[in-house]
Amino acid sequence: MSAISRHKSVLIKRLKTGLEDVEEAAIYHFDSENNESCGVLSFTIEGWNIDDIGKVLNSQNLVVRGGLQCAPHAHRILGTFSEGTIRVSPGYFSTDHEIDSFLQSVKEITVSKMYQT
C-alpha cells in the first residue's frame, strides 16, 4: 500500500469512527478484505435533508457532495435513491484536525433544528 493510500485509509477510519458516535448517522462505506479503505465514505442523517446538510458543510469550507453523485444505480442498491447521501473523500493533504473539524460540524448540525426535515 502506498503512503498516499495509507494516509487516506487512516483518515477514512477516523471519519468513520467519529460518525459512528453520531446516533442519527447511517454510514455507507466499503473496506476491502485486507481492510484497505476505498477512500470515500457516504452518510445520511436520519430526519435531515441531504441538500441542506451539504450546503451547510460547504459553507464552512468542508467540501462534500450531496445527492446521488451521478450514481443512481448504486443508490438504488443502497436504498438511498430517494435523496442520496453526503459523500466525503479526504485527500492526501487532508489532516486529522480537518477530519475532527468536520465531525464537530456534523455533530453541531444534528443538534440544530434549523435543517431538520
N, C-alpha and C. Protein backbone atom coordinates (compact mmCIF):
# COMPACT_ATOMS: atom_id res chain seq x y z
N MET A 1 0.86 -1.17 0.00
CA MET A 1 0.00 0.00 0.00
C MET A 1 0.90 1.23 0.00
N SER A 2 0.61 2.17 -0.85
CA SER A 2 1.41 3.39 -0.94
C SER A 2 1.16 4.30 0.27
N ALA A 3 2.07 5.23 0.46
CA ALA A 3 1.92 6.19 1.56
C ALA A 3 0.63 7.00 1.41
N ILE A 4 0.29 7.32 0.18
CA ILE A 4 -0.94 8.09 -0.06
C ILE A 4 -2.16 7.26 0.34
N SER A 5 -2.20 6.01 -0.09
CA SER A 5 -3.33 5.14 0.26
C SER A 5 -3.42 4.92 1.75
N ARG A 6 -2.28 4.73 2.40
CA ARG A 6 -2.26 4.53 3.86
C ARG A 6 -2.82 5.75 4.58
N HIS A 7 -2.36 6.93 4.17
CA HIS A 7 -2.81 8.17 4.81
C HIS A 7 -4.32 8.35 4.65
N LYS A 8 -4.81 8.15 3.43
CA LYS A 8 -6.25 8.30 3.19
C LYS A 8 -7.05 7.26 3.96
N SER A 9 -6.51 6.05 4.08
CA SER A 9 -7.19 4.99 4.82
C SER A 9 -7.31 5.36 6.30
N VAL A 10 -6.24 5.92 6.86
CA VAL A 10 -6.26 6.35 8.26
C VAL A 10 -7.31 7.44 8.47
N LEU A 11 -7.37 8.39 7.54
CA LEU A 11 -8.35 9.48 7.67
C LEU A 11 -9.78 8.96 7.55
N ILE A 12 -10.02 8.05 6.62
CA ILE A 12 -11.37 7.49 6.46
C ILE A 12 -11.78 6.73 7.72
N LYS A 13 -10.85 5.97 8.29
CA LYS A 13 -11.17 5.24 9.52
C LYS A 13 -11.50 6.20 10.66
N ARG A 14 -10.76 7.31 10.75
CA ARG A 14 -11.04 8.32 11.77
C ARG A 14 -12.43 8.92 11.54
N LEU A 15 -12.72 9.21 10.29
CA LEU A 15 -14.02 9.77 9.94
C LEU A 15 -15.15 8.79 10.26
N LYS A 16 -14.97 7.54 9.88
CA LYS A 16 -15.99 6.52 10.13
C LYS A 16 -16.22 6.33 11.63
N THR A 17 -15.15 6.25 12.39
CA THR A 17 -15.27 6.09 13.84
C THR A 17 -16.01 7.27 14.46
N GLY A 18 -15.69 8.48 14.01
CA GLY A 18 -16.36 9.67 14.52
C GLY A 18 -17.84 9.70 14.17
N LEU A 19 -18.18 9.31 12.95
CA LEU A 19 -19.59 9.31 12.55
C LEU A 19 -20.38 8.22 13.26
N GLU A 20 -19.70 7.15 13.64
CA GLU A 20 -20.39 6.09 14.40
C GLU A 20 -20.88 6.61 15.75
N ASP A 21 -20.29 7.69 16.24
CA ASP A 21 -20.72 8.30 17.50
C ASP A 21 -21.94 9.20 17.33
N VAL A 22 -22.32 9.48 16.09
CA VAL A 22 -23.49 10.30 15.80
C VAL A 22 -24.68 9.36 15.64
N GLU A 23 -25.54 9.36 16.63
CA GLU A 23 -26.64 8.40 16.69
C GLU A 23 -27.51 8.41 15.43
N GLU A 24 -27.74 9.59 14.88
CA GLU A 24 -28.64 9.71 13.73
C GLU A 24 -27.99 9.34 12.40
N ALA A 25 -26.70 9.12 12.39
CA ALA A 25 -25.97 8.88 11.13
C ALA A 25 -26.04 7.43 10.69
N ALA A 26 -26.28 7.23 9.41
CA ALA A 26 -26.15 5.92 8.77
C ALA A 26 -24.96 6.03 7.83
N ILE A 27 -24.00 5.13 7.95
CA ILE A 27 -22.75 5.20 7.21
C ILE A 27 -22.76 4.17 6.08
N TYR A 28 -22.32 4.61 4.91
CA TYR A 28 -22.21 3.74 3.75
C TYR A 28 -20.75 3.76 3.31
N HIS A 29 -20.05 2.65 3.57
CA HIS A 29 -18.61 2.60 3.30
C HIS A 29 -18.18 1.18 3.04
N PHE A 30 -17.20 1.01 2.18
CA PHE A 30 -16.68 -0.30 1.82
C PHE A 30 -15.22 -0.40 2.21
N ASP A 31 -14.88 -1.45 2.95
CA ASP A 31 -13.48 -1.82 3.20
C ASP A 31 -13.23 -3.13 2.48
N SER A 32 -12.09 -3.26 1.85
CA SER A 32 -11.76 -4.50 1.15
C SER A 32 -11.42 -5.59 2.16
N GLU A 33 -11.22 -6.81 1.65
CA GLU A 33 -10.92 -7.94 2.52
C GLU A 33 -9.65 -7.74 3.34
N ASN A 34 -8.68 -7.02 2.79
CA ASN A 34 -7.46 -6.77 3.55
C ASN A 34 -7.53 -5.45 4.32
N ASN A 35 -8.78 -4.98 4.53
CA ASN A 35 -9.07 -3.81 5.36
C ASN A 35 -8.53 -2.51 4.77
N GLU A 36 -8.34 -2.47 3.46
CA GLU A 36 -7.96 -1.22 2.82
C GLU A 36 -9.23 -0.43 2.51
N SER A 37 -9.18 0.84 2.76
CA SER A 37 -10.33 1.69 2.50
C SER A 37 -10.33 2.14 1.05
N CYS A 38 -11.52 2.36 0.53
CA CYS A 38 -11.62 2.87 -0.84
C CYS A 38 -11.43 4.38 -0.89
N GLY A 39 -11.33 5.05 0.23
CA GLY A 39 -11.07 6.49 0.26
C GLY A 39 -12.30 7.36 0.17
N VAL A 40 -13.47 6.76 0.12
CA VAL A 40 -14.72 7.51 0.03
C VAL A 40 -15.68 6.98 1.08
N LEU A 41 -16.38 7.87 1.74
CA LEU A 41 -17.38 7.48 2.73
C LEU A 41 -18.62 8.32 2.47
N SER A 42 -19.77 7.69 2.53
CA SER A 42 -21.04 8.40 2.39
C SER A 42 -21.87 8.18 3.65
N PHE A 43 -22.72 9.16 3.95
CA PHE A 43 -23.58 9.01 5.12
C PHE A 43 -24.86 9.81 4.92
N THR A 44 -25.83 9.45 5.73
CA THR A 44 -27.07 10.22 5.83
C THR A 44 -27.29 10.50 7.31
N ILE A 45 -28.14 11.46 7.58
CA ILE A 45 -28.53 11.75 8.95
C ILE A 45 -30.05 11.66 9.00
N GLU A 46 -30.55 10.73 9.77
CA GLU A 46 -31.98 10.48 9.85
C GLU A 46 -32.75 11.76 10.17
N GLY A 47 -33.77 12.02 9.34
CA GLY A 47 -34.62 13.18 9.58
C GLY A 47 -34.09 14.48 9.02
N TRP A 48 -33.01 14.43 8.29
CA TRP A 48 -32.37 15.65 7.79
C TRP A 48 -32.30 15.64 6.28
N ASN A 49 -32.46 16.80 5.67
CA ASN A 49 -32.39 16.96 4.23
C ASN A 49 -30.93 16.93 3.78
N ILE A 50 -30.62 16.04 2.85
CA ILE A 50 -29.25 15.88 2.36
C ILE A 50 -28.70 17.16 1.75
N ASP A 51 -29.50 17.82 0.91
CA ASP A 51 -29.03 19.05 0.26
C ASP A 51 -28.71 20.14 1.27
N ASP A 52 -29.54 20.28 2.29
CA ASP A 52 -29.29 21.30 3.31
C ASP A 52 -28.01 21.01 4.08
N ILE A 53 -27.80 19.76 4.45
CA ILE A 53 -26.58 19.41 5.17
C ILE A 53 -25.36 19.70 4.31
N GLY A 54 -25.43 19.33 3.04
CA GLY A 54 -24.32 19.60 2.13
C GLY A 54 -24.03 21.08 2.03
N LYS A 55 -25.07 21.90 1.92
CA LYS A 55 -24.88 23.35 1.82
C LYS A 55 -24.23 23.92 3.08
N VAL A 56 -24.68 23.46 4.23
CA VAL A 56 -24.11 23.96 5.49
C VAL A 56 -22.63 23.59 5.58
N LEU A 57 -22.31 22.33 5.30
CA LEU A 57 -20.91 21.91 5.38
C LEU A 57 -20.05 22.64 4.36
N ASN A 58 -20.54 22.78 3.13
CA ASN A 58 -19.79 23.51 2.11
C ASN A 58 -19.58 24.97 2.50
N SER A 59 -20.58 25.58 3.16
CA SER A 59 -20.44 26.98 3.57
C SER A 59 -19.36 27.15 4.64
N GLN A 60 -18.99 26.05 5.29
CA GLN A 60 -17.93 26.07 6.29
C GLN A 60 -16.59 25.60 5.70
N ASN A 61 -16.51 25.64 4.37
CA ASN A 61 -15.32 25.18 3.64
C ASN A 61 -15.01 23.72 3.88
N LEU A 62 -16.03 22.94 4.16
CA LEU A 62 -15.92 21.49 4.27
C LEU A 62 -16.58 20.93 3.01
N VAL A 63 -15.77 20.62 2.03
CA VAL A 63 -16.27 20.29 0.70
C VAL A 63 -16.78 18.86 0.66
N VAL A 64 -18.08 18.73 0.44
CA VAL A 64 -18.74 17.43 0.33
C VAL A 64 -19.63 17.48 -0.90
N ARG A 65 -20.16 16.35 -1.26
CA ARG A 65 -21.12 16.28 -2.37
C ARG A 65 -22.36 15.59 -1.85
N GLY A 66 -23.49 16.26 -1.96
CA GLY A 66 -24.75 15.69 -1.54
C GLY A 66 -25.58 15.24 -2.72
N GLY A 67 -26.40 14.23 -2.52
CA GLY A 67 -27.29 13.76 -3.58
C GLY A 67 -26.93 12.38 -4.08
N LEU A 68 -27.13 12.17 -5.38
CA LEU A 68 -26.90 10.86 -5.98
C LEU A 68 -25.50 10.70 -6.57
N GLN A 69 -24.71 11.76 -6.60
CA GLN A 69 -23.31 11.73 -7.07
C GLN A 69 -23.14 11.04 -8.42
N CYS A 70 -24.08 11.26 -9.32
CA CYS A 70 -24.05 10.66 -10.67
C CYS A 70 -24.00 9.14 -10.63
N ALA A 71 -24.55 8.54 -9.58
CA ALA A 71 -24.55 7.09 -9.43
C ALA A 71 -25.91 6.59 -8.95
N PRO A 72 -26.98 6.85 -9.72
CA PRO A 72 -28.31 6.47 -9.24
C PRO A 72 -28.46 4.97 -9.01
N HIS A 73 -27.83 4.15 -9.83
CA HIS A 73 -27.97 2.71 -9.65
C HIS A 73 -27.36 2.27 -8.31
N ALA A 74 -26.22 2.83 -7.96
CA ALA A 74 -25.61 2.50 -6.67
C ALA A 74 -26.54 2.88 -5.52
N HIS A 75 -27.22 4.02 -5.65
CA HIS A 75 -28.13 4.45 -4.59
C HIS A 75 -29.38 3.58 -4.53
N ARG A 76 -29.80 3.05 -5.66
CA ARG A 76 -30.92 2.10 -5.63
C ARG A 76 -30.52 0.86 -4.84
N ILE A 77 -29.31 0.38 -5.07
CA ILE A 77 -28.82 -0.80 -4.35
C ILE A 77 -28.71 -0.52 -2.86
N LEU A 78 -28.21 0.67 -2.50
CA LEU A 78 -28.05 1.04 -1.09
C LEU A 78 -29.37 1.38 -0.40
N GLY A 79 -30.40 1.65 -1.19
CA GLY A 79 -31.67 2.06 -0.60
C GLY A 79 -31.70 3.54 -0.28
N THR A 80 -30.83 4.32 -0.91
CA THR A 80 -30.75 5.76 -0.65
C THR A 80 -31.17 6.58 -1.87
N PHE A 81 -31.87 5.95 -2.80
CA PHE A 81 -32.19 6.61 -4.06
C PHE A 81 -33.08 7.84 -3.89
N SER A 82 -33.94 7.86 -2.90
CA SER A 82 -34.88 8.98 -2.77
C SER A 82 -34.18 10.32 -2.55
N GLU A 83 -33.10 10.35 -1.78
CA GLU A 83 -32.40 11.61 -1.51
C GLU A 83 -30.90 11.53 -1.76
N GLY A 84 -30.34 10.34 -1.76
CA GLY A 84 -28.89 10.22 -1.90
C GLY A 84 -28.20 10.25 -0.55
N THR A 85 -26.95 10.60 -0.57
CA THR A 85 -26.13 10.65 0.64
C THR A 85 -25.23 11.88 0.58
N ILE A 86 -24.52 12.10 1.66
CA ILE A 86 -23.42 13.06 1.69
C ILE A 86 -22.15 12.25 1.47
N ARG A 87 -21.35 12.62 0.47
CA ARG A 87 -20.11 11.90 0.18
C ARG A 87 -18.92 12.74 0.63
N VAL A 88 -18.02 12.08 1.35
CA VAL A 88 -16.81 12.71 1.85
C VAL A 88 -15.62 11.91 1.32
N SER A 89 -14.62 12.60 0.83
CA SER A 89 -13.44 11.92 0.29
C SER A 89 -12.19 12.69 0.66
N PRO A 90 -11.61 12.39 1.83
CA PRO A 90 -10.37 13.08 2.21
C PRO A 90 -9.26 12.82 1.21
N GLY A 91 -8.42 13.80 1.03
CA GLY A 91 -7.29 13.66 0.11
C GLY A 91 -5.97 13.52 0.86
N TYR A 92 -4.91 13.42 0.10
CA TYR A 92 -3.58 13.24 0.68
C TYR A 92 -3.21 14.39 1.62
N PHE A 93 -3.63 15.60 1.29
CA PHE A 93 -3.26 16.76 2.09
C PHE A 93 -4.25 17.04 3.23
N SER A 94 -5.28 16.25 3.36
CA SER A 94 -6.22 16.40 4.48
C SER A 94 -5.53 15.99 5.78
N THR A 95 -5.95 16.61 6.87
CA THR A 95 -5.30 16.37 8.17
C THR A 95 -6.30 15.81 9.18
N ASP A 96 -5.75 15.26 10.26
CA ASP A 96 -6.59 14.80 11.38
C ASP A 96 -7.44 15.95 11.90
N HIS A 97 -6.85 17.13 12.00
CA HIS A 97 -7.56 18.30 12.50
C HIS A 97 -8.77 18.62 11.61
N GLU A 98 -8.60 18.52 10.30
CA GLU A 98 -9.72 18.78 9.39
C GLU A 98 -10.83 17.74 9.55
N ILE A 99 -10.45 16.50 9.75
CA ILE A 99 -11.45 15.45 9.99
C ILE A 99 -12.20 15.74 11.27
N ASP A 100 -11.47 16.12 12.32
CA ASP A 100 -12.11 16.44 13.60
C ASP A 100 -13.04 17.64 13.48
N SER A 101 -12.63 18.66 12.72
CA SER A 101 -13.48 19.83 12.49
C SER A 101 -14.75 19.44 11.74
N PHE A 102 -14.59 18.57 10.75
CA PHE A 102 -15.75 18.07 10.00
C PHE A 102 -16.72 17.36 10.94
N LEU A 103 -16.19 16.46 11.76
CA LEU A 103 -17.05 15.71 12.68
C LEU A 103 -17.75 16.63 13.66
N GLN A 104 -17.06 17.65 14.14
CA GLN A 104 -17.67 18.61 15.06
C GLN A 104 -18.82 19.34 14.37
N SER A 105 -18.62 19.72 13.11
CA SER A 105 -19.68 20.40 12.36
C SER A 105 -20.89 19.50 12.17
N VAL A 106 -20.66 18.24 11.86
CA VAL A 106 -21.78 17.30 11.70
C VAL A 106 -22.54 17.16 13.01
N LYS A 107 -21.82 17.06 14.11
CA LYS A 107 -22.48 16.95 15.42
C LYS A 107 -23.29 18.20 15.74
N GLU A 108 -22.76 19.37 15.39
CA GLU A 108 -23.50 20.61 15.63
C GLU A 108 -24.77 20.68 14.78
N ILE A 109 -24.69 20.20 13.55
CA ILE A 109 -25.87 20.18 12.68
C ILE A 109 -26.95 19.28 13.27
N THR A 110 -26.55 18.14 13.80
CA THR A 110 -27.56 17.19 14.30
C THR A 110 -28.28 17.71 15.54
N VAL A 111 -27.66 18.60 16.30
CA VAL A 111 -28.36 19.14 17.46
C VAL A 111 -29.16 20.39 17.11
N SER A 112 -28.91 20.96 15.95
CA SER A 112 -29.65 22.13 15.49
C SER A 112 -30.97 21.67 14.89
N LYS A 113 -32.01 22.42 15.09
CA LYS A 113 -33.31 22.10 14.50
C LYS A 113 -33.50 22.80 13.15
N MET A 114 -32.57 23.67 12.78
CA MET A 114 -32.73 24.51 11.61
C MET A 114 -32.88 23.73 10.31
N TYR A 115 -32.17 22.63 10.17
CA TYR A 115 -32.14 21.93 8.88
C TYR A 115 -32.90 20.61 8.90
N GLN A 116 -33.63 20.38 9.95
CA GLN A 116 -34.37 19.13 10.05
C GLN A 116 -35.57 19.14 9.10
N THR A 117 -35.83 17.98 8.47
CA THR A 117 -36.96 17.89 7.54
C THR A 117 -38.25 17.65 8.28
